[in-house]
Amino acid sequence: FDQTWKFIDDMEIDSCNFSILTPFPGTPLYEDLNKEGRIKTTDWHQYGYQKNVTFIPKKMTEQELLDGCQKLYLNYYSAANIGKRFIHSLKREISITTMLIFLMENIFSRPYVTSWKKNTSQTVVLDQN
């Protein structure tokens, strides 16, 4: 997750989204994971792309996957990083309309992300190096 953050930060990406892999029934991914016994649930209410892990990861725990996704969101949508992206957008030759769209997306996503933080008992911090 730290490498993903470094890439996003280095590339000065204006808008992005993070999601947890979701193996939907009927897909080859679902079939492969099901054969390996790694599907956790078939309860459709649990299927989404951000807050639930519906399969058993191989090289990390489910909590590590959730925490990693959450810390990417929290870091990306921190007030400091929104400001940093806005300053970078001023330096580039993009239209005012495009710049404002990116800024609005960032500002309106922040409450959702910070509410996610309040709903968890864990605090996660990304390595800034």
C-alpha atoms as a PDB file:
ATOM      1  CA  PHE A   1       0.000   0.000   0.000  1.00  0.00           C
ATOM      2  CA  ASP A   2       2.904   2.317   0.697  1.00  0.00           C
ATOM      3  CA  GLN A   3       4.246   1.743  -2.823  1.00  0.00           C
ATOM      4  CA  THR A   4       0.813   2.493  -4.274  1.00  0.00           C
ATOM      5  CA  TRP A   5       0.672   5.726  -2.291  1.00  0.00           C
ATOM      6  CA  LYS A   6       4.177   6.716  -3.413  1.00  0.00           C
ATOM      7  CA  PHE A   7       3.183   6.182  -7.051  1.00  0.00           C
ATOM      8  CA  ILE A   8      -0.004   8.248  -6.678  1.00  0.00           C
ATOM      9  CA  ASP A   9       1.870  11.028  -4.914  1.00  0.00           C
ATOM     10  CA  ASP A  10       4.800  11.009  -7.359  1.00  0.00           C
ATOM     11  CA  MET A  11       2.468  11.114 -10.369  1.00  0.00           C
ATOM     12  CA  GLU A  12       0.388  13.933  -8.831  1.00  0.00           C
ATOM     13  CA  ILE A  13      -2.838  12.141  -9.687  1.00  0.00           C
ATOM     14  CA  ASP A  14      -5.778  14.556  -9.415  1.00  0.00           C
ATOM     15  CA  SER A  15      -8.542  12.033  -8.912  1.00  0.00           C
ATOM     16  CA  CYS A  16      -8.541   8.383  -7.989  1.00  0.00           C
ATOM     17  CA  ASN A  17     -10.525   5.706  -6.235  1.00  0.00           C
ATOM     18  CA  PHE A  18      -9.467   2.656  -4.273  1.00  0.00           C
ATOM     19  CA  SER A  19     -11.380  -0.566  -4.026  1.00  0.00           C
ATOM     20  CA  ILE A  20     -11.119  -4.045  -2.624  1.00  0.00           C
ATOM     21  CA  LEU A  21     -11.196  -6.842  -5.153  1.00  0.00           C
ATOM     22  CA  THR A  22     -14.680  -8.349  -5.252  1.00  0.00           C
ATOM     23  CA  PRO A  23     -15.070 -11.792  -6.856  1.00  0.00           C
ATOM     24  CA  PHE A  24     -18.620 -11.624  -8.183  1.00  0.00           C
ATOM     25  CA  PRO A  25     -20.393 -14.949  -8.794  1.00  0.00           C
ATOM     26  CA  GLY A  26     -20.322 -16.039 -12.410  1.00  0.00           C
ATOM     27  CA  THR A  27     -16.868 -14.575 -13.053  1.00  0.00           C
ATOM     28  CA  PRO A  28     -13.714 -16.621 -13.651  1.00  0.00           C
ATOM     29  CA  LEU A  29     -12.169 -14.987 -10.552  1.00  0.00           C
ATOM     30  CA  TYR A  30     -15.048 -16.189  -8.381  1.00  0.00           C
ATOM     31  CA  GLU A  31     -14.789 -19.699  -9.803  1.00  0.00           C
ATOM     32  CA  ASP A  32     -11.020 -19.830  -9.181  1.00  0.00           C
ATOM     33  CA  LEU A  33     -11.313 -18.565  -5.604  1.00  0.00           C
ATOM     34  CA  ASN A  34     -14.262 -20.855  -4.925  1.00  0.00           C
ATOM     35  CA  LYS A  35     -12.258 -23.879  -6.122  1.00  0.00           C
ATOM     36  CA  GLU A  36      -9.479 -22.840  -3.739  1.00  0.00           C
ATOM     37  CA  GLY A  37     -11.982 -22.539  -0.858  1.00  0.00           C
ATOM     38  CA  ARG A  38     -11.260 -18.826  -0.481  1.00  0.00           C
ATOM     39  CA  ILE A  39     -14.798 -17.405  -0.890  1.00  0.00           C
ATOM     40  CA  LYS A  40     -15.975 -16.214   2.534  1.00  0.00           C
ATOM     41  CA  THR A  41     -19.630 -15.562   1.853  1.00  0.00           C
ATOM     42  CA  THR A  42     -22.329 -15.719  -0.766  1.00  0.00           C
ATOM     43  CA  ASP A  43     -24.404 -13.099   1.081  1.00  0.00           C
ATOM     44  CA  TRP A  44     -24.957 -10.387  -1.557  1.00  0.00           C
ATOM     45  CA  HIS A  45     -25.310  -7.760   1.182  1.00  0.00           C
ATOM     46  CA  GLN A  46     -21.602  -8.216   1.882  1.00  0.00           C
ATOM     47  CA  TYR A  47     -20.541  -7.637  -1.724  1.00  0.00           C
ATOM     48  CA  GLY A  48     -19.243  -4.157  -2.422  1.00  0.00           C
ATOM     49  CA  TYR A  49     -15.932  -2.672  -3.315  1.00  0.00           C
ATOM     50  CA  GLN A  50     -14.664  -0.697  -0.337  1.00  0.00           C
ATOM     51  CA  LYS A  51     -15.612  -1.947   3.086  1.00  0.00           C
ATOM     52  CA  ASN A  52     -15.986  -5.718   2.893  1.00  0.00           C
ATOM     53  CA  VAL A  53     -13.596  -8.504   2.030  1.00  0.00           C
ATOM     54  CA  THR A  54     -15.548 -11.402   0.534  1.00  0.00           C
ATOM     55  CA  PHE A  55     -12.582 -13.681  -0.110  1.00  0.00           C
ATOM     56  CA  ILE A  56      -9.584 -14.892   1.868  1.00  0.00           C
ATOM     57  CA  PRO A  57      -6.445 -13.075   0.667  1.00  0.00           C
ATOM     58  CA  LYS A  58      -3.250 -15.092   0.223  1.00  0.00           C
ATOM     59  CA  LYS A  59      -0.448 -12.782   1.315  1.00  0.00           C
ATOM     60  CA  MET A  60      -2.148 -10.656   3.960  1.00  0.00           C
ATOM     61  CA  THR A  61      -4.983 -10.885   6.423  1.00  0.00           C
ATOM     62  CA  GLU A  62      -8.442  -9.539   5.680  1.00  0.00           C
ATOM     63  CA  GLN A  63      -7.847  -6.788   8.238  1.00  0.00           C
ATOM     64  CA  GLU A  64      -4.569  -5.805   6.571  1.00  0.00           C
ATOM     65  CA  LEU A  65      -6.406  -5.497   3.250  1.00  0.00           C
ATOM     66  CA  LEU A  66      -9.146  -3.344   4.789  1.00  0.00           C
ATOM     67  CA  ASP A  67      -6.635  -1.213   6.669  1.00  0.00           C
ATOM     68  CA  GLY A  68      -4.492  -0.746   3.563  1.00  0.00           C
ATOM     69  CA  CYS A  69      -7.438   0.411   1.477  1.00  0.00           C
ATOM     70  CA  GLN A  70      -8.614   2.687   4.263  1.00  0.00           C
ATOM     71  CA  LYS A  71      -5.238   4.324   4.748  1.00  0.00           C
ATOM     72  CA  LEU A  72      -4.987   5.035   1.018  1.00  0.00           C
ATOM     73  CA  TYR A  73      -8.359   6.778   1.190  1.00  0.00           C
ATOM     74  CA  LEU A  74      -7.554   8.682   4.369  1.00  0.00           C
ATOM     75  CA  ASN A  75      -4.211   9.852   3.071  1.00  0.00           C
ATOM     76  CA  TYR A  76      -5.483  10.768  -0.396  1.00  0.00           C
ATOM     77  CA  TYR A  77      -8.429  12.754   0.971  1.00  0.00           C
ATOM     78  CA  SER A  78      -6.598  14.441   3.834  1.00  0.00           C
ATOM     79  CA  ALA A  79      -6.987  18.214   3.831  1.00  0.00           C
ATOM     80  CA  ALA A  80      -3.224  18.603   3.290  1.00  0.00           C
ATOM     81  CA  ASN A  81      -3.220  16.369   0.212  1.00  0.00           C
ATOM     82  CA  ILE A  82      -6.337  17.978  -1.252  1.00  0.00           C
ATOM     83  CA  GLY A  83      -4.575  21.323  -0.904  1.00  0.00           C
ATOM     84  CA  LYS A  84      -1.398  19.936  -2.429  1.00  0.00           C
ATOM     85  CA  ARG A  85      -3.311  18.609  -5.450  1.00  0.00           C
ATOM     86  CA  PHE A  86      -5.089  21.937  -5.863  1.00  0.00           C
ATOM     87  CA  ILE A  87      -1.767  23.827  -5.877  1.00  0.00           C
ATOM     88  CA  HIS A  88      -0.368  21.366  -8.431  1.00  0.00           C
ATOM     89  CA  SER A  89      -3.432  21.873 -10.625  1.00  0.00           C
ATOM     90  CA  LEU A  90      -2.816  25.627 -10.603  1.00  0.00           C
ATOM     91  CA  LYS A  91       0.690  25.033 -11.970  1.00  0.00           C
ATOM     92  CA  ARG A  92      -0.468  22.856 -14.869  1.00  0.00           C
ATOM     93  CA  GLU A  93      -2.054  24.008 -18.042  1.00  0.00           C
ATOM     94  CA  ILE A  94      -5.521  22.596 -17.462  1.00  0.00           C
ATOM     95  CA  SER A  95      -8.797  24.386 -17.853  1.00  0.00           C
ATOM     96  CA  ILE A  96     -10.439  26.084 -14.902  1.00  0.00           C
ATOM     97  CA  THR A  97     -13.427  23.786 -15.408  1.00  0.00           C
ATOM     98  CA  THR A  98     -11.281  20.643 -15.139  1.00  0.00           C
ATOM     99  CA  MET A  99      -9.468  22.024 -12.101  1.00  0.00           C
ATOM    100  CA  LEU A 100     -12.755  22.835 -10.378  1.00  0.00           C
ATOM    101  CA  ILE A 101     -14.180  19.389 -11.158  1.00  0.00           C
ATOM    102  CA  PHE A 102     -11.156  17.726  -9.535  1.00  0.00           C
ATOM    103  CA  LEU A 103     -11.358  20.065  -6.546  1.00  0.00           C
ATOM    104  CA  MET A 104     -15.090  19.437  -6.064  1.00  0.00           C
ATOM    105  CA  GLU A 105     -14.596  15.674  -6.318  1.00  0.00           C
ATOM    106  CA  ASN A 106     -11.917  15.883  -3.645  1.00  0.00           C
ATOM    107  CA  ILE A 107     -13.914  18.126  -1.325  1.00  0.00           C
ATOM    108  CA  PHE A 108     -17.159  16.149  -1.630  1.00  0.00           C
ATOM    109  CA  SER A 109     -15.387  12.803  -1.132  1.00  0.00           C
ATOM    110  CA  ARG A 110     -13.712  13.915   2.084  1.00  0.00           C
ATOM    111  CA  PRO A 111     -16.795  13.662   4.385  1.00  0.00           C
ATOM    112  CA  TYR A 112     -17.448  10.096   3.220  1.00  0.00           C
ATOM    113  CA  VAL A 113     -13.859   9.095   3.874  1.00  0.00           C
ATOM    114  CA  THR A 114     -13.671  10.801   7.265  1.00  0.00           C
ATOM    115  CA  SER A 115     -16.950   9.115   8.296  1.00  0.00           C
ATOM    116  CA  TRP A 116     -15.313   5.798   7.425  1.00  0.00           C
ATOM    117  CA  LYS A 117     -12.450   6.717   9.764  1.00  0.00           C
ATOM    118  CA  LYS A 118     -14.893   7.491  12.601  1.00  0.00           C
ATOM    119  CA  ASN A 119     -16.577   4.110  12.148  1.00  0.00           C
ATOM    120  CA  THR A 120     -13.416   2.134  12.811  1.00  0.00           C
ATOM    121  CA  SER A 121     -11.578   1.557  16.053  1.00  0.00           C
ATOM    122  CA  GLN A 122      -8.186   1.448  14.358  1.00  0.00           C
ATOM    123  CA  THR A 123      -6.008   4.306  13.272  1.00  0.00           C
ATOM    124  CA  VAL A 124      -3.855   3.694  10.234  1.00  0.00           C
ATOM    125  CA  VAL A 125      -0.929   5.801   9.091  1.00  0.00           C
ATOM    126  CA  LEU A 126       0.812   5.644   5.752  1.00  0.00           C
ATOM    127  CA  ASP A 127       4.568   5.735   5.554  1.00  0.00           C
ATOM    128  CA  GLN A 128       5.248   9.109   3.933  1.00  0.00           C
ATOM    129  CA  ASN A 129       8.658   8.038   2.501  1.00  0.00           C
END
